Amino acid sequence: MSEPEMNCPKCKGSMEEGYILDLGHAGSRQVATWVEGPPQPGAWLGLKIKGLRQIPQRTFRCTGCGYLESYAR
């Protein structure tokens, strides 16, 4: 079953699915990910994320005004 078409909450235009590119270790390309809790600096560079719930984001862009809306589920 396909998901219902989404409309932009700003201008009512149609929304298209995409993703926000995130760069990981050594420049690896990944989908942006939601991580529970406030950011905590790691021992070296970056953030502590071990043991925290992580969910890849789904992002939708309005074809009319460019508004972005992201979901993590």
Protein backbone atom coordinates (compact mmCIF):
# COMPACT_ATOMS: atom_id res chain seq x y z
CA MET A 1 0.00 0.00 0.00
CA SER A 2 1.45 3.39 -0.98
CA GLU A 3 1.51 6.36 1.34
CA PRO A 4 -0.96 9.21 0.73
CA GLU A 5 0.34 12.24 -1.17
CA MET A 6 1.68 14.92 1.16
CA ASN A 7 0.91 18.61 0.73
CA CYS A 8 3.12 21.44 1.97
CA PRO A 9 1.87 22.96 5.26
CA LYS A 10 3.12 26.38 4.06
CA CYS A 11 1.85 26.77 0.47
CA LYS A 12 -0.17 23.54 -0.11
CA GLY A 13 2.17 22.50 -2.97
CA SER A 14 3.11 18.86 -3.53
CA MET A 15 5.92 17.29 -1.47
CA GLU A 16 8.56 14.98 -2.92
CA GLU A 17 10.60 12.52 -0.84
CA GLY A 18 14.38 12.81 -0.66
CA TYR A 19 17.02 12.84 2.05
CA ILE A 20 19.58 15.10 3.69
CA LEU A 21 23.13 13.97 3.03
CA ASP A 22 25.38 13.67 6.07
CA LEU A 23 29.13 13.10 5.97
CA GLY A 24 30.58 10.44 8.26
CA HIS A 25 34.07 9.16 9.06
CA ALA A 26 36.57 9.78 6.25
CA GLY A 27 33.91 11.60 4.23
CA SER A 28 31.59 8.60 3.88
CA ARG A 29 28.14 9.59 2.65
CA GLN A 30 25.16 8.71 4.85
CA VAL A 31 21.54 9.67 5.39
CA ALA A 32 21.13 12.17 8.26
CA THR A 33 20.13 10.40 11.48
CA TRP A 34 18.11 11.53 14.51
CA VAL A 35 19.84 10.66 17.83
CA GLU A 36 18.01 10.76 21.18
CA GLY A 37 19.03 13.28 23.84
CA PRO A 38 21.13 16.43 23.73
CA PRO A 39 24.48 16.35 21.89
CA GLN A 40 27.46 15.37 24.06
CA PRO A 41 31.04 15.99 22.87
CA GLY A 42 33.16 12.87 22.35
CA ALA A 43 36.67 12.25 23.69
CA TRP A 44 38.29 13.16 20.36
CA LEU A 45 36.25 14.76 17.60
CA GLY A 46 32.54 14.38 17.06
CA LEU A 47 29.79 13.34 19.45
CA LYS A 48 29.09 10.46 21.83
CA ILE A 49 26.36 8.27 20.33
CA LYS A 50 27.13 4.77 21.64
CA GLY A 51 24.08 3.21 23.28
CA LEU A 52 21.72 5.98 22.10
CA ARG A 53 18.67 5.31 19.93
CA GLN A 54 19.32 6.34 16.31
CA ILE A 55 16.72 6.62 13.55
CA PRO A 56 17.45 7.56 9.90
CA GLN A 57 15.52 10.65 8.76
CA ARG A 58 13.05 10.82 5.88
CA THR A 59 12.82 14.29 4.39
CA PHE A 60 10.22 15.80 2.09
CA ARG A 61 10.66 18.96 -0.05
CA CYS A 62 7.89 21.17 -1.39
CA THR A 63 8.16 21.50 -5.18
CA GLY A 64 6.54 24.95 -4.93
CA CYS A 65 8.27 26.88 -2.13
CA GLY A 66 11.17 24.56 -1.17
CA TYR A 67 10.03 23.99 2.44
CA LEU A 68 11.67 20.90 4.03
CA GLU A 69 9.99 18.60 6.55
CA SER A 70 11.85 15.68 8.17
CA TYR A 71 10.58 12.60 10.01
CA ALA A 72 12.35 9.94 12.08
CA ARG A 73 10.36 6.72 12.52
